Amino acid sequence: MTLVVTRNVSNRSRGFLASSLLELAPGVYSAPHISPTVRERIWAVLTDWFALEKDASVVMVWADNTAPCGQSVRTLGVPPVEVVAIDGLLTTHRSTD
């Protein structure tokens, strides 16, 4: 299962995500079976286009048996969040800069 949650992204990004994943609610996209290659391509496009976004954020989560808690997380945006594994648990760290 891959899940993407967006906030304040452009219609271009929303349309791209809706063409690749099912939009469950405004800004929430899901795909039950997606290959790692497709997931990487979606993330590459979002990362490339993100430079044009204003006050936006994107979070992608997917099942990953090799990662702490069995899931991997990627983030873009405001506020900048770093996902950190501590003692086998995933936590978030926000910069205070």
PDB file of N, CA and C in Angstrom:
ATOM      1  N   MET A   1       0.843  -1.176   0.000  1.00  0.00           N
ATOM      2  CA  MET A   1       0.000   0.000   0.000  1.00  0.00           C
ATOM      3  C   MET A   1       0.888   1.239   0.000  1.00  0.00           C
ATOM      4  N   THR A   2       0.624   2.133  -0.909  1.00  0.00           N
ATOM      5  CA  THR A   2       1.296   3.420  -0.956  1.00  0.00           C
ATOM      6  C   THR A   2       0.260   4.502  -0.729  1.00  0.00           C
ATOM      7  N   LEU A   3       0.595   5.475   0.120  1.00  0.00           N
ATOM      8  CA  LEU A   3      -0.305   6.566   0.446  1.00  0.00           C
ATOM      9  C   LEU A   3       0.450   7.875   0.281  1.00  0.00           C
ATOM     10  N   VAL A   4      -0.182   8.850  -0.383  1.00  0.00           N
ATOM     11  CA  VAL A   4       0.386  10.183  -0.552  1.00  0.00           C
ATOM     12  C   VAL A   4      -0.625  11.182  -0.016  1.00  0.00           C
ATOM     13  N   VAL A   5      -0.161  12.059   0.876  1.00  0.00           N
ATOM     14  CA  VAL A   5      -1.008  13.107   1.434  1.00  0.00           C
ATOM     15  C   VAL A   5      -0.384  14.443   1.053  1.00  0.00           C
ATOM     16  N   THR A   6      -1.191  15.333   0.486  1.00  0.00           N
ATOM     17  CA  THR A   6      -0.699  16.630   0.042  1.00  0.00           C
ATOM     18  C   THR A   6      -1.430  17.765   0.743  1.00  0.00           C
ATOM     19  N   ARG A   7      -0.767  18.914   0.768  1.00  0.00           N
ATOM     20  CA  ARG A   7      -1.385  20.131   1.297  1.00  0.00           C
ATOM     21  C   ARG A   7      -0.935  21.296   0.425  1.00  0.00           C
ATOM     22  N   ASN A   8      -1.876  22.053  -0.090  1.00  0.00           N
ATOM     23  CA  ASN A   8      -1.615  23.263  -0.868  1.00  0.00           C
ATOM     24  C   ASN A   8      -0.769  23.029  -2.114  1.00  0.00           C
ATOM     25  N   VAL A   9      -0.887  21.885  -2.752  1.00  0.00           N
ATOM     26  CA  VAL A   9      -0.126  21.661  -3.986  1.00  0.00           C
ATOM     27  C   VAL A   9      -0.926  22.185  -5.181  1.00  0.00           C
ATOM     28  N   SER A  10      -0.237  22.394  -6.273  1.00  0.00           N
ATOM     29  CA  SER A  10      -0.846  22.934  -7.485  1.00  0.00           C
ATOM     30  C   SER A  10      -1.780  21.914  -8.131  1.00  0.00           C
ATOM     31  N   ASN A  11      -2.642  22.425  -9.010  1.00  0.00           N
ATOM     32  CA  ASN A  11      -3.535  21.537  -9.761  1.00  0.00           C
ATOM     33  C   ASN A  11      -2.737  20.581 -10.636  1.00  0.00           C
ATOM     34  N   ARG A  12      -1.577  21.016 -11.096  1.00  0.00           N
ATOM     35  CA  ARG A  12      -0.711  20.158 -11.904  1.00  0.00           C
ATOM     36  C   ARG A  12      -0.315  18.905 -11.112  1.00  0.00           C
ATOM     37  N   SER A  13       0.133  19.107  -9.870  1.00  0.00           N
ATOM     38  CA  SER A  13       0.528  17.986  -9.018  1.00  0.00           C
ATOM     39  C   SER A  13      -0.670  17.119  -8.663  1.00  0.00           C
ATOM     40  N   ARG A  14      -1.784  17.750  -8.351  1.00  0.00           N
ATOM     41  CA  ARG A  14      -2.987  16.987  -8.014  1.00  0.00           C
ATOM     42  C   ARG A  14      -3.446  16.131  -9.183  1.00  0.00           C
ATOM     43  N   GLY A  15      -3.421  16.710 -10.386  1.00  0.00           N
ATOM     44  CA  GLY A  15      -3.822  15.963 -11.575  1.00  0.00           C
ATOM     45  C   GLY A  15      -2.895  14.790 -11.852  1.00  0.00           C
ATOM     46  N   PHE A  16      -1.597  15.026 -11.685  1.00  0.00           N
ATOM     47  CA  PHE A  16      -0.632  13.950 -11.879  1.00  0.00           C
ATOM     48  C   PHE A  16      -0.883  12.814 -10.900  1.00  0.00           C
ATOM     49  N   LEU A  17      -1.063  13.155  -9.630  1.00  0.00           N
ATOM     50  CA  LEU A  17      -1.313  12.120  -8.629  1.00  0.00           C
ATOM     51  C   LEU A  17      -2.619  11.379  -8.906  1.00  0.00           C
ATOM     52  N   ALA A  18      -3.659  12.109  -9.297  1.00  0.00           N
ATOM     53  CA  ALA A  18      -4.949  11.479  -9.581  1.00  0.00           C
ATOM     54  C   ALA A  18      -4.868  10.560 -10.796  1.00  0.00           C
ATOM     55  N   SER A  19      -3.926  10.828 -11.707  1.00  0.00           N
ATOM     56  CA  SER A  19      -3.773   9.953 -12.874  1.00  0.00           C
ATOM     57  C   SER A  19      -3.006   8.680 -12.528  1.00  0.00           C
ATOM     58  N   SER A  20      -2.299   8.699 -11.403  1.00  0.00           N
ATOM     59  CA  SER A  20      -1.470   7.559 -11.008  1.00  0.00           C
ATOM     60  C   SER A  20      -2.043   6.768  -9.837  1.00  0.00           C
ATOM     61  N   LEU A  21      -2.796   7.443  -8.976  1.00  0.00           N
ATOM     62  CA  LEU A  21      -3.312   6.852  -7.742  1.00  0.00           C
ATOM     63  C   LEU A  21      -4.786   7.195  -7.599  1.00  0.00           C
ATOM     64  N   LEU A  22      -5.472   6.520  -6.708  1.00  0.00           N
ATOM     65  CA  LEU A  22      -6.872   6.807  -6.418  1.00  0.00           C
ATOM     66  C   LEU A  22      -6.952   7.934  -5.398  1.00  0.00           C
ATOM     67  N   GLU A  23      -7.714   8.998  -5.705  1.00  0.00           N
ATOM     68  CA  GLU A  23      -7.887  10.098  -4.751  1.00  0.00           C
ATOM     69  C   GLU A  23      -9.034   9.744  -3.808  1.00  0.00           C
ATOM     70  N   LEU A  24      -8.691   9.392  -2.572  1.00  0.00           N
ATOM     71  CA  LEU A  24      -9.684   8.962  -1.582  1.00  0.00           C
ATOM     72  C   LEU A  24     -10.439  10.129  -0.970  1.00  0.00           C
ATOM     73  N   ALA A  25      -9.759  11.237  -0.802  1.00  0.00           N
ATOM     74  CA  ALA A  25     -10.318  12.470  -0.252  1.00  0.00           C
ATOM     75  C   ALA A  25      -9.462  13.593  -0.827  1.00  0.00           C
ATOM     76  N   PRO A  26      -9.887  14.846  -0.718  1.00  0.00           N
ATOM     77  CA  PRO A  26      -9.056  15.915  -1.270  1.00  0.00           C
ATOM     78  C   PRO A  26      -7.632  15.866  -0.709  1.00  0.00           C
ATOM     79  N   GLY A  27      -6.662  15.681  -1.603  1.00  0.00           N
ATOM     80  CA  GLY A  27      -5.261  15.667  -1.203  1.00  0.00           C
ATOM     81  C   GLY A  27      -4.749  14.352  -0.645  1.00  0.00           C
ATOM     82  N   VAL A  28      -5.571  13.297  -0.664  1.00  0.00           N
ATOM     83  CA  VAL A  28      -5.165  11.989  -0.129  1.00  0.00           C
ATOM     84  C   VAL A  28      -5.278  10.957  -1.254  1.00  0.00           C
ATOM     85  N   TYR A  29      -4.141  10.353  -1.601  1.00  0.00           N
ATOM     86  CA  TYR A  29      -4.068   9.433  -2.735  1.00  0.00           C
ATOM     87  C   TYR A  29      -3.541   8.085  -2.261  1.00  0.00           C
ATOM     88  N   SER A  30      -4.038   7.003  -2.891  1.00  0.00           N
ATOM     89  CA  SER A  30      -3.669   5.659  -2.448  1.00  0.00           C
ATOM     90  C   SER A  30      -3.554   4.712  -3.632  1.00  0.00           C
ATOM     91  N   ALA A  31      -2.678   3.720  -3.473  1.00  0.00           N
ATOM     92  CA  ALA A  31      -2.579   2.624  -4.441  1.00  0.00           C
ATOM     93  C   ALA A  31      -2.234   1.361  -3.664  1.00  0.00           C
ATOM     94  N   PRO A  32      -3.054   0.309  -3.771  1.00  0.00           N
ATOM     95  CA  PRO A  32      -2.793  -0.895  -2.997  1.00  0.00           C
ATOM     96  C   PRO A  32      -1.604  -1.695  -3.512  1.00  0.00           C
ATOM     97  N   HIS A  33      -1.391  -1.697  -4.816  1.00  0.00           N
ATOM     98  CA  HIS A  33      -0.301  -2.487  -5.406  1.00  0.00           C
ATOM     99  C   HIS A  33       0.420  -1.613  -6.427  1.00  0.00           C
ATOM    100  N   ILE A  34       1.561  -1.117  -6.048  1.00  0.00           N
ATOM    101  CA  ILE A  34       2.342  -0.270  -6.947  1.00  0.00           C
ATOM    102  C   ILE A  34       3.792  -0.734  -6.860  1.00  0.00           C
ATOM    103  N   SER A  35       4.437  -0.831  -7.980  1.00  0.00           N
ATOM    104  CA  SER A  35       5.819  -1.328  -7.977  1.00  0.00           C
ATOM    105  C   SER A  35       6.762  -0.260  -7.425  1.00  0.00           C
ATOM    106  N   PRO A  36       7.885  -0.688  -6.877  1.00  0.00           N
ATOM    107  CA  PRO A  36       8.875   0.282  -6.401  1.00  0.00           C
ATOM    108  C   PRO A  36       9.338   1.230  -7.506  1.00  0.00           C
ATOM    109  N   THR A  37       9.422   0.746  -8.732  1.00  0.00           N
ATOM    110  CA  THR A  37       9.842   1.597  -9.847  1.00  0.00           C
ATOM    111  C   THR A  37       8.832   2.708 -10.105  1.00  0.00           C
ATOM    112  N   VAL A  38       7.553   2.372 -10.103  1.00  0.00           N
ATOM    113  CA  VAL A  38       6.509   3.382 -10.311  1.00  0.00           C
ATOM    114  C   VAL A  38       6.495   4.357  -9.140  1.00  0.00           C
ATOM    115  N   ARG A  39       6.594   3.844  -7.927  1.00  0.00           N
ATOM    116  CA  ARG A  39       6.627   4.716  -6.745  1.00  0.00           C
ATOM    117  C   ARG A  39       7.795   5.698  -6.830  1.00  0.00           C
ATOM    118  N   GLU A  40       8.972   5.226  -7.228  1.00  0.00           N
ATOM    119  CA  GLU A  40      10.146   6.092  -7.364  1.00  0.00           C
ATOM    120  C   GLU A  40       9.935   7.152  -8.442  1.00  0.00           C
ATOM    121  N   ARG A  41       9.287   6.773  -9.529  1.00  0.00           N
ATOM    122  CA  ARG A  41       9.018   7.727 -10.612  1.00  0.00           C
ATOM    123  C   ARG A  41       8.045   8.803 -10.142  1.00  0.00           C
ATOM    124  N   ILE A  42       6.992   8.402  -9.442  1.00  0.00           N
ATOM    125  CA  ILE A  42       6.035   9.380  -8.907  1.00  0.00           C
ATOM    126  C   ILE A  42       6.754  10.348  -7.984  1.00  0.00           C
ATOM    127  N   TRP A  43       7.605   9.821  -7.092  1.00  0.00           N
ATOM    128  CA  TRP A  43       8.327  10.684  -6.159  1.00  0.00           C
ATOM    129  C   TRP A  43       9.283  11.618  -6.898  1.00  0.00           C
ATOM    130  N   ALA A  44       9.931  11.123  -7.946  1.00  0.00           N
ATOM    131  CA  ALA A  44      10.855  11.958  -8.723  1.00  0.00           C
ATOM    132  C   ALA A  44      10.119  13.126  -9.378  1.00  0.00           C
ATOM    133  N   VAL A  45       8.944  12.867  -9.922  1.00  0.00           N
ATOM    134  CA  VAL A  45       8.151  13.937 -10.538  1.00  0.00           C
ATOM    135  C   VAL A  45       7.718  14.945  -9.477  1.00  0.00           C
ATOM    136  N   LEU A  46       7.203  14.464  -8.351  1.00  0.00           N
ATOM    137  CA  LEU A  46       6.772  15.365  -7.284  1.00  0.00           C
ATOM    138  C   LEU A  46       7.934  16.218  -6.778  1.00  0.00           C
ATOM    139  N   THR A  47       9.095  15.606  -6.608  1.00  0.00           N
ATOM    140  CA  THR A  47      10.269  16.335  -6.134  1.00  0.00           C
ATOM    141  C   THR A  47      10.685  17.399  -7.143  1.00  0.00           C
ATOM    142  N   ASP A  48      10.675  17.052  -8.415  1.00  0.00           N
ATOM    143  CA  ASP A  48      11.048  17.994  -9.468  1.00  0.00           C
ATOM    144  C   ASP A  48      10.084  19.179  -9.519  1.00  0.00           C
ATOM    145  N   TRP A  49       8.799  18.910  -9.462  1.00  0.00           N
ATOM    146  CA  TRP A  49       7.792  19.964  -9.549  1.00  0.00           C
ATOM    147  C   TRP A  49       7.669  20.767  -8.269  1.00  0.00           C
ATOM    148  N   PHE A  50       8.148  20.229  -7.162  1.00  0.00           N
ATOM    149  CA  PHE A  50       7.939  20.882  -5.865  1.00  0.00           C
ATOM    150  C   PHE A  50       8.618  22.250  -5.783  1.00  0.00           C
ATOM    151  N   ALA A  51       9.650  22.466  -6.565  1.00  0.00           N
ATOM    152  CA  ALA A  51      10.345  23.761  -6.560  1.00  0.00           C
ATOM    153  C   ALA A  51       9.400  24.904  -6.931  1.00  0.00           C
ATOM    154  N   LEU A  52       8.327  24.611  -7.654  1.00  0.00           N
ATOM    155  CA  LEU A  52       7.368  25.632  -8.066  1.00  0.00           C
ATOM    156  C   LEU A  52       6.212  25.812  -7.079  1.00  0.00           C
ATOM    157  N   GLU A  53       6.145  24.987  -6.057  1.00  0.00           N
ATOM    158  CA  GLU A  53       5.047  25.057  -5.079  1.00  0.00           C
ATOM    159  C   GLU A  53       5.310  26.146  -4.041  1.00  0.00           C
ATOM    160  N   LYS A  54       4.243  26.686  -3.494  1.00  0.00           N
ATOM    161  CA  LYS A  54       4.328  27.698  -2.439  1.00  0.00           C
ATOM    162  C   LYS A  54       3.592  27.198  -1.203  1.00  0.00           C
ATOM    163  N   ASP A  55       4.258  27.175  -0.055  1.00  0.00           N
ATOM    164  CA  ASP A  55       3.638  26.792   1.212  1.00  0.00           C
ATOM    165  C   ASP A  55       2.906  25.449   1.116  1.00  0.00           C
ATOM    166  N   ALA A  56       3.536  24.494   0.482  1.00  0.00           N
ATOM    167  CA  ALA A  56       2.910  23.188   0.252  1.00  0.00           C
ATOM    168  C   ALA A  56       3.676  22.103   0.988  1.00  0.00           C
ATOM    169  N   SER A  57       3.057  20.927   1.058  1.00  0.00           N
ATOM    170  CA  SER A  57       3.745  19.768   1.623  1.00  0.00           C
ATOM    171  C   SER A  57       3.213  18.494   0.980  1.00  0.00           C
ATOM    172  N   VAL A  58       4.092  17.488   0.955  1.00  0.00           N
ATOM    173  CA  VAL A  58       3.755  16.169   0.419  1.00  0.00           C
ATOM    174  C   VAL A  58       4.381  15.129   1.342  1.00  0.00           C
ATOM    175  N   VAL A  59       3.597  14.121   1.695  1.00  0.00           N
ATOM    176  CA  VAL A  59       4.096  12.993   2.485  1.00  0.00           C
ATOM    177  C   VAL A  59       3.743  11.723   1.727  1.00  0.00           C
ATOM    178  N   MET A  60       4.729  10.854   1.550  1.00  0.00           N
ATOM    179  CA  MET A  60       4.490   9.555   0.928  1.00  0.00           C
ATOM    180  C   MET A  60       4.872   8.473   1.934  1.00  0.00           C
ATOM    181  N   VAL A  61       3.982   7.508   2.121  1.00  0.00           N
ATOM    182  CA  VAL A  61       4.197   6.397   3.048  1.00  0.00           C
ATOM    183  C   VAL A  61       3.899   5.104   2.308  1.00  0.00           C
ATOM    184  N   TRP A  62       4.730   4.078   2.531  1.00  0.00           N
ATOM    185  CA  TRP A  62       4.472   2.774   1.923  1.00  0.00           C
ATOM    186  C   TRP A  62       5.009   1.664   2.813  1.00  0.00           C
ATOM    187  N   ALA A  63       4.443   0.485   2.647  1.00  0.00           N
ATOM    188  CA  ALA A  63       4.882  -0.690   3.401  1.00  0.00           C
ATOM    189  C   ALA A  63       6.291  -1.065   2.965  1.00  0.00           C
ATOM    190  N   ASP A  64       7.154  -1.307   3.958  1.00  0.00           N
ATOM    191  CA  ASP A  64       8.547  -1.667   3.679  1.00  0.00           C
ATOM    192  C   ASP A  64       9.040  -2.550   4.819  1.00  0.00           C
ATOM    193  N   ASN A  65       9.118  -3.848   4.564  1.00  0.00           N
ATOM    194  CA  ASN A  65       9.508  -4.796   5.613  1.00  0.00           C
ATOM    195  C   ASN A  65      10.932  -4.608   6.106  1.00  0.00           C
ATOM    196  N   THR A  66      11.762  -3.891   5.365  1.00  0.00           N
ATOM    197  CA  THR A  66      13.152  -3.686   5.774  1.00  0.00           C
ATOM    198  C   THR A  66      13.335  -2.420   6.611  1.00  0.00           C
ATOM    199  N   ALA A  67      12.302  -1.615   6.736  1.00  0.00           N
ATOM    200  CA  ALA A  67      12.392  -0.335   7.460  1.00  0.00           C
ATOM    201  C   ALA A  67      11.829  -0.463   8.872  1.00  0.00           C
ATOM    202  N   PRO A  68      12.241   0.429   9.771  1.00  0.00           N
ATOM    203  CA  PRO A  68      11.662   0.432  11.115  1.00  0.00           C
ATOM    204  C   PRO A  68      10.139   0.585  11.049  1.00  0.00           C
ATOM    205  N   CYS A  69       9.447  -0.122  11.879  1.00  0.00           N
ATOM    206  CA  CYS A  69       7.977  -0.113  11.950  1.00  0.00           C
ATOM    207  C   CYS A  69       7.312  -0.661  10.691  1.00  0.00           C
ATOM    208  N   GLY A  70       8.096  -1.211   9.758  1.00  0.00           N
ATOM    209  CA  GLY A  70       7.522  -1.804   8.566  1.00  0.00           C
ATOM    210  C   GLY A  70       7.012  -0.817   7.538  1.00  0.00           C
ATOM    211  N   GLN A  71       7.446   0.441   7.649  1.00  0.00           N
ATOM    212  CA  GLN A  71       7.025   1.427   6.662  1.00  0.00           C
ATOM    213  C   GLN A  71       8.132   2.437   6.403  1.00  0.00           C
ATOM    214  N   SER A  72       8.128   2.977   5.186  1.00  0.00           N
ATOM    215  CA  SER A  72       9.051   4.045   4.839  1.00  0.00           C
ATOM    216  C   SER A  72       8.255   5.315   4.616  1.00  0.00           C
ATOM    217  N   VAL A  73       8.900   6.454   4.872  1.00  0.00           N
ATOM    218  CA  VAL A  73       8.243   7.751   4.777  1.00  0.00           C
ATOM    219  C   VAL A  73       9.173   8.718   4.066  1.00  0.00           C
ATOM    220  N   ARG A  74       8.598   9.512   3.167  1.00  0.00           N
ATOM    221  CA  ARG A  74       9.325  10.613   2.525  1.00  0.00           C
ATOM    222  C   ARG A  74       8.481  11.866   2.660  1.00  0.00           C
ATOM    223  N   THR A  75       9.141  13.003   2.805  1.00  0.00           N
ATOM    224  CA  THR A  75       8.410  14.260   2.955  1.00  0.00           C
ATOM    225  C   THR A  75       9.034  15.359   2.111  1.00  0.00           C
ATOM    226  N   LEU A  76       8.201  16.269   1.699  1.00  0.00           N
ATOM    227  CA  LEU A  76       8.606  17.513   1.056  1.00  0.00           C
ATOM    228  C   LEU A  76       7.788  18.620   1.695  1.00  0.00           C
ATOM    229  N   GLY A  77       8.385  19.778   1.919  1.00  0.00           N
ATOM    230  CA  GLY A  77       7.558  20.915   2.234  1.00  0.00           C
ATOM    231  C   GLY A  77       7.689  21.597   3.551  1.00  0.00           C
ATOM    232  N   VAL A  78       6.600  22.296   3.858  1.00  0.00           N
ATOM    233  CA  VAL A  78       6.519  23.179   5.001  1.00  0.00           C
ATOM    234  C   VAL A  78       5.574  22.567   6.017  1.00  0.00           C
ATOM    235  N   PRO A  79       5.935  22.436   7.276  1.00  0.00           N
ATOM    236  CA  PRO A  79       7.289  22.658   7.780  1.00  0.00           C
ATOM    237  C   PRO A  79       8.185  21.506   7.372  1.00  0.00           C
ATOM    238  N   PRO A  80       9.491  21.793   7.201  1.00  0.00           N
ATOM    239  CA  PRO A  80      10.392  20.699   6.849  1.00  0.00           C
ATOM    240  C   PRO A  80      10.458  19.673   7.974  1.00  0.00           C
ATOM    241  N   VAL A  81      10.243  18.419   7.630  1.00  0.00           N
ATOM    242  CA  VAL A  81      10.218  17.353   8.618  1.00  0.00           C
ATOM    243  C   VAL A  81      11.229  16.288   8.210  1.00  0.00           C
ATOM    244  N   GLU A  82      11.995  15.839   9.177  1.00  0.00           N
ATOM    245  CA  GLU A  82      12.920  14.742   8.949  1.00  0.00           C
ATOM    246  C   GLU A  82      12.406  13.537   9.724  1.00  0.00           C
ATOM    247  N   VAL A  83      12.278  12.399   9.053  1.00  0.00           N
ATOM    248  CA  VAL A  83      11.842  11.175   9.715  1.00  0.00           C
ATOM    249  C   VAL A  83      13.092  10.473  10.224  1.00  0.00           C
ATOM    250  N   VAL A  84      13.090  10.156  11.527  1.00  0.00           N
ATOM    251  CA  VAL A  84      14.259   9.577  12.184  1.00  0.00           C
ATOM    252  C   VAL A  84      13.847   8.283  12.882  1.00  0.00           C
ATOM    253  N   ALA A  85      14.654   7.245  12.725  1.00  0.00           N
ATOM    254  CA  ALA A  85      14.408   5.980  13.436  1.00  0.00           C
ATOM    255  C   ALA A  85      15.170   6.010  14.754  1.00  0.00           C
ATOM    256  N   ILE A  86      14.440   5.807  15.855  1.00  0.00           N
ATOM    257  CA  ILE A  86      15.038   5.757  17.189  1.00  0.00           C
ATOM    258  C   ILE A  86      14.561   4.479  17.864  1.00  0.00           C
ATOM    259  N   ASP A  87      15.495   3.613  18.204  1.00  0.00           N
ATOM    260  CA  ASP A  87      15.177   2.350  18.858  1.00  0.00           C
ATOM    261  C   ASP A  87      14.097   1.564  18.123  1.00  0.00           C
ATOM    262  N   GLY A  88      14.172   1.542  16.796  1.00  0.00           N
ATOM    263  CA  GLY A  88      13.233   0.770  16.000  1.00  0.00           C
ATOM    264  C   GLY A  88      11.896   1.440  15.759  1.00  0.00           C
ATOM    265  N   LEU A  89      11.725   2.680  16.203  1.00  0.00           N
ATOM    266  CA  LEU A  89      10.483   3.423  15.984  1.00  0.00           C
ATOM    267  C   LEU A  89      10.761   4.611  15.080  1.00  0.00           C
ATOM    268  N   LEU A  90       9.763   4.972  14.269  1.00  0.00           N
ATOM    269  CA  LEU A  90       9.899   6.170  13.446  1.00  0.00           C
ATOM    270  C   LEU A  90       9.361   7.362  14.213  1.00  0.00           C
ATOM    271  N   THR A  91      10.143   8.429  14.224  1.00  0.00           N
ATOM    272  CA  THR A  91       9.719   9.687  14.832  1.00  0.00           C
ATOM    273  C   THR A  91       9.994  10.807  13.840  1.00  0.00           C
ATOM    274  N   THR A  92       9.424  11.964  14.096  1.00  0.00           N
ATOM    275  CA  THR A  92       9.673  13.109  13.222  1.00  0.00           C
ATOM    276  C   THR A  92      10.453  14.181  13.993  1.00  0.00           C
ATOM    277  N   HIS A  93      11.303  14.839  13.268  1.00  0.00           N
ATOM    278  CA  HIS A  93      12.091  15.933  13.828  1.00  0.00           C
ATOM    279  C   HIS A  93      11.860  17.160  12.958  1.00  0.00           C
ATOM    280  N   ARG A  94      11.439  18.250  13.575  1.00  0.00           N
ATOM    281  CA  ARG A  94      11.245  19.503  12.854  1.00  0.00           C
ATOM    282  C   ARG A  94      12.350  20.461  13.243  1.00  0.00           C
ATOM    283  N   SER A  95      12.961  21.040  12.240  1.00  0.00           N
ATOM    284  CA  SER A  95      14.016  21.999  12.463  1.00  0.00           C
ATOM    285  C   SER A  95      13.448  23.257  13.108  1.00  0.00           C
ATOM    286  N   THR A  96      14.191  23.837  14.031  1.00  0.00           N
ATOM    287  CA  THR A  96      13.728  25.068  14.690  1.00  0.00           C
ATOM    288  C   THR A  96      14.363  26.306  14.073  1.00  0.00           C
ATOM    289  N   ASP A  97      15.002  26.148  12.924  1.00  0.00           N
ATOM    290  CA  ASP A  97      15.641  27.296  12.255  1.00  0.00           C
ATOM    291  C   ASP A  97      14.631  28.268  11.743  1.00  0.00           C
TER     292      ASP A  97
END
